[in-house]
Amino acid sequence: YISKICLFVIVGSPNQCNKFQKTAGDIADIVLVKPMTASTIQDKLISLMSVNSQKEQGIKMLEAESDAQDTPAVPHKHILVVDDDPVILRVIKRDLDGEYDVATAINGKLALNFLSKKKTDLVLLDYNLPDEDGPSILQKMRDNPATANTPVVFLTGATEREKIQKALSLKPQGYMLKPIERDKLISVIKGILG
């Protein structure tokens, strides 16, 4: 079930990875055998997300072609969701699946690295992240010419006035409080992306 709604990655010693694969079969999208640096793991995960996104886009385009031979397939807009809560990432990915290509990142460093390699149409950004806060990530995006004009919507539980003011001072395209209703989220995204 998990492998249908998100990428499944195994990270462990050779013995741990072998045991898991014998027990669970071939459900992992990638197996990362330690020892391995965090940077190498990060690069492999970003590469996997990019390949998976391209694969999903290719499958969707083929399905659309078979459904409507006369109508050319239009690629979906790409959205990056940045949140340190894996449950939130899975729910948003599931809610947007079919209408958008969705990639996820669990921290700012992964998000910025991903954005440096893949054109993204919209970033859904949590305020509170483990390595740095959402406004810091947005400021780095604005300082980079490649991502300066990428739309950003904060999806967060941060309700403190000073945090909201800090985020809004960077002029994001939206600020939504969790929990977020699917219909409202899609309405905001369509308002930005068309």
Protein backbone atom coordinates (compact mmCIF):
# COMPACT_ATOMS: atom_id res chain seq x y z
CA TYR A 1 0.00 0.00 0.00
CA ILE A 2 2.76 2.46 0.97
CA SER A 3 4.68 1.85 -2.25
CA LYS A 4 1.62 2.93 -4.26
CA ILE A 5 1.34 6.37 -2.62
CA CYS A 6 4.98 7.26 -1.97
CA LEU A 7 8.53 6.25 -2.73
CA PHE A 8 9.91 3.42 -0.57
CA VAL A 9 13.61 3.55 0.32
CA ILE A 10 15.65 1.12 2.43
CA VAL A 11 18.77 2.42 4.20
CA GLY A 12 20.84 0.03 6.30
CA SER A 13 23.76 -2.30 6.64
CA PRO A 14 24.20 -5.05 4.01
CA ASN A 15 22.74 -7.58 6.46
CA GLN A 16 19.72 -5.40 7.33
CA CYS A 17 18.96 -4.68 3.66
CA ASN A 18 19.21 -8.36 2.71
CA LYS A 19 16.92 -9.40 5.59
CA PHE A 20 14.35 -6.79 4.64
CA GLN A 21 14.37 -7.74 0.97
CA LYS A 22 14.00 -11.44 1.82
CA THR A 23 11.02 -10.64 4.04
CA ALA A 24 9.27 -7.91 2.05
CA GLY A 25 10.29 -8.83 -1.47
CA ASP A 26 11.02 -6.29 -4.16
CA ILE A 27 8.87 -3.37 -2.94
CA ALA A 28 11.69 -0.86 -2.40
CA ASP A 29 12.27 1.77 -5.06
CA ILE A 30 15.93 1.94 -4.02
CA VAL A 31 18.20 0.17 -1.52
CA LEU A 32 20.99 2.26 0.02
CA VAL A 33 23.62 0.14 1.73
CA LYS A 34 25.70 1.73 4.50
CA PRO A 35 28.35 2.95 5.01
CA MET A 36 27.33 5.91 2.92
CA THR A 37 27.64 9.65 3.57
CA ALA A 38 24.54 11.74 4.19
CA SER A 39 25.41 13.76 1.10
CA THR A 40 25.46 10.62 -1.06
CA ILE A 41 22.12 9.49 0.39
CA GLN A 42 20.67 12.95 -0.32
CA ASP A 43 21.89 12.91 -3.94
CA LYS A 44 20.47 9.42 -4.53
CA LEU A 45 17.10 10.41 -3.05
CA ILE A 46 16.89 13.56 -5.17
CA SER A 47 17.80 11.54 -8.24
CA LEU A 48 15.15 8.94 -7.37
CA MET A 49 12.47 11.62 -6.89
CA SER A 50 13.34 13.18 -10.23
CA VAL A 51 13.33 9.83 -12.06
CA ASN A 52 10.08 8.81 -10.36
CA SER A 53 8.45 12.11 -11.27
CA GLN A 54 9.54 11.71 -14.89
CA LYS A 55 8.33 8.10 -14.92
CA GLU A 56 4.93 9.06 -13.46
CA GLN A 57 4.63 11.89 -15.96
CA GLY A 58 5.50 9.51 -18.81
CA ILE A 59 2.93 6.94 -17.66
CA LYS A 60 0.24 9.60 -17.29
CA MET A 61 1.04 10.96 -20.75
CA LEU A 62 0.80 7.47 -22.27
CA GLU A 63 -2.52 6.85 -20.52
CA ALA A 64 -3.85 10.18 -21.78
CA GLU A 65 -2.73 9.35 -25.32
CA SER A 66 -4.50 6.00 -25.24
CA ASP A 67 -7.69 7.61 -23.88
CA ALA A 68 -7.75 10.40 -26.44
CA GLN A 69 -5.76 9.63 -29.58
CA ASP A 70 -6.59 13.00 -31.15
CA THR A 71 -5.70 15.14 -28.12
CA PRO A 72 -2.00 15.64 -27.33
CA ALA A 73 -1.06 14.97 -23.71
CA VAL A 74 -0.20 18.05 -21.66
CA PRO A 75 2.34 17.51 -18.89
CA HIS A 76 1.12 18.26 -15.39
CA LYS A 77 2.43 21.20 -13.42
CA HIS A 78 5.10 20.23 -10.90
CA ILE A 79 4.71 20.91 -7.17
CA LEU A 80 7.31 20.44 -4.41
CA VAL A 81 5.92 19.89 -0.90
CA VAL A 82 8.37 20.67 1.93
CA ASP A 83 7.37 19.37 5.36
CA ASP A 84 9.11 17.35 8.07
CA ASP A 85 5.95 15.34 8.82
CA PRO A 86 5.80 12.24 6.57
CA VAL A 87 2.05 11.86 7.18
CA ILE A 88 1.39 15.38 5.84
CA LEU A 89 3.61 14.67 2.82
CA ARG A 90 1.71 11.45 2.01
CA VAL A 91 -1.71 13.09 2.43
CA ILE A 92 -0.87 16.07 0.22
CA LYS A 93 0.78 13.85 -2.39
CA ARG A 94 -2.32 11.63 -2.46
CA ASP A 95 -4.69 14.64 -2.60
CA LEU A 96 -2.88 16.19 -5.57
CA ASP A 97 -2.11 12.96 -7.43
CA GLY A 98 -3.59 12.87 -10.91
CA GLU A 99 -3.80 16.64 -11.27
CA TYR A 100 -0.17 17.53 -10.53
CA ASP A 101 3.25 15.91 -10.42
CA VAL A 102 4.27 16.05 -6.77
CA ALA A 103 7.71 15.68 -5.21
CA THR A 104 8.41 15.89 -1.48
CA ALA A 105 11.27 17.03 0.75
CA ILE A 106 11.59 16.65 4.52
CA ASN A 107 13.86 19.65 5.09
CA GLY A 108 15.10 22.87 3.55
CA LYS A 109 18.45 21.54 2.41
CA LEU A 110 16.81 18.76 0.38
CA ALA A 111 14.27 21.21 -1.01
CA LEU A 112 16.87 23.73 -2.18
CA ASN A 113 19.01 20.99 -3.67
CA PHE A 114 16.00 19.58 -5.52
CA LEU A 115 15.00 23.03 -6.80
CA SER A 116 18.51 23.55 -8.16
CA LYS A 117 18.07 20.45 -10.34
CA LYS A 118 14.38 20.40 -11.31
CA LYS A 119 12.08 23.14 -12.56
CA THR A 120 9.15 23.41 -10.19
CA ASP A 121 5.95 25.37 -10.78
CA LEU A 122 4.95 25.77 -7.11
CA VAL A 123 6.40 25.10 -3.65
CA LEU A 124 4.15 24.25 -0.69
CA LEU A 125 6.34 25.13 2.30
CA ASP A 126 6.02 24.40 6.02
CA TYR A 127 7.12 27.17 8.40
CA ASN A 128 8.75 25.00 11.06
CA LEU A 129 11.42 22.67 9.69
CA PRO A 130 14.31 20.93 11.47
CA ASP A 131 17.26 22.61 9.74
CA GLU A 132 15.94 26.12 9.05
CA ASP A 133 12.56 27.77 8.97
CA GLY A 134 10.37 28.26 5.92
CA PRO A 135 11.01 32.02 5.59
CA SER A 136 14.79 31.37 5.44
CA ILE A 137 14.22 28.86 2.65
CA LEU A 138 11.96 31.27 0.79
CA GLN A 139 14.59 34.04 1.15
CA LYS A 140 17.23 31.73 -0.37
CA MET A 141 14.84 30.95 -3.22
CA ARG A 142 14.26 34.67 -3.83
CA ASP A 143 18.04 35.31 -3.79
CA ASN A 144 18.60 32.66 -6.49
CA PRO A 145 17.72 33.87 -10.03
CA ALA A 146 16.65 30.32 -11.02
CA THR A 147 13.97 30.15 -8.28
CA ALA A 148 13.31 33.84 -7.59
CA ASN A 149 9.93 33.77 -9.36
CA THR A 150 8.77 30.32 -8.21
CA PRO A 151 5.43 30.71 -6.40
CA VAL A 152 5.42 29.65 -2.74
CA VAL A 153 2.48 28.93 -0.44
CA PHE A 154 3.07 28.37 3.27
CA LEU A 155 1.20 25.36 4.70
CA THR A 156 1.76 25.56 8.41
CA GLY A 157 0.50 25.36 11.94
CA ALA A 158 2.40 28.53 12.89
CA THR A 159 -0.20 31.01 14.17
CA GLU A 160 2.05 33.37 16.14
CA ARG A 161 1.72 36.93 14.87
CA GLU A 162 5.48 37.54 14.51
CA LYS A 163 5.91 34.31 12.52
CA ILE A 164 3.05 35.18 10.20
CA GLN A 165 4.46 38.70 9.68
CA LYS A 166 7.94 37.28 8.99
CA ALA A 167 6.53 34.93 6.35
CA LEU A 168 4.23 37.51 4.75
CA SER A 169 7.04 40.09 4.55
CA LEU A 170 8.63 37.84 1.90
CA LYS A 171 5.46 38.08 -0.21
CA PRO A 172 4.53 34.41 -0.67
CA GLN A 173 1.55 33.64 -2.88
CA GLY A 174 -0.37 32.24 0.10
CA TYR A 175 -0.39 31.30 3.79
CA MET A 176 -2.67 28.40 4.78
CA LEU A 177 -3.11 26.94 8.26
CA LYS A 178 -3.08 23.19 8.90
CA PRO A 179 -5.10 21.06 8.79
CA ILE A 180 -5.81 21.90 5.17
CA GLU A 181 -8.95 20.81 3.35
CA ARG A 182 -8.22 19.19 -0.02
CA ASP A 183 -10.74 21.31 -1.95
CA LYS A 184 -9.41 24.55 -0.48
CA LEU A 185 -5.81 23.55 -1.24
CA ILE A 186 -6.63 22.66 -4.84
CA SER A 187 -8.57 25.92 -5.23
CA VAL A 188 -5.54 27.94 -4.04
CA ILE A 189 -3.18 25.99 -6.32
CA LYS A 190 -5.46 26.47 -9.34
CA GLY A 191 -5.68 30.17 -8.53
CA ILE A 192 -1.88 30.38 -8.76
CA LEU A 193 -1.09 27.91 -11.55
CA GLY A 194 -4.28 28.23 -13.58
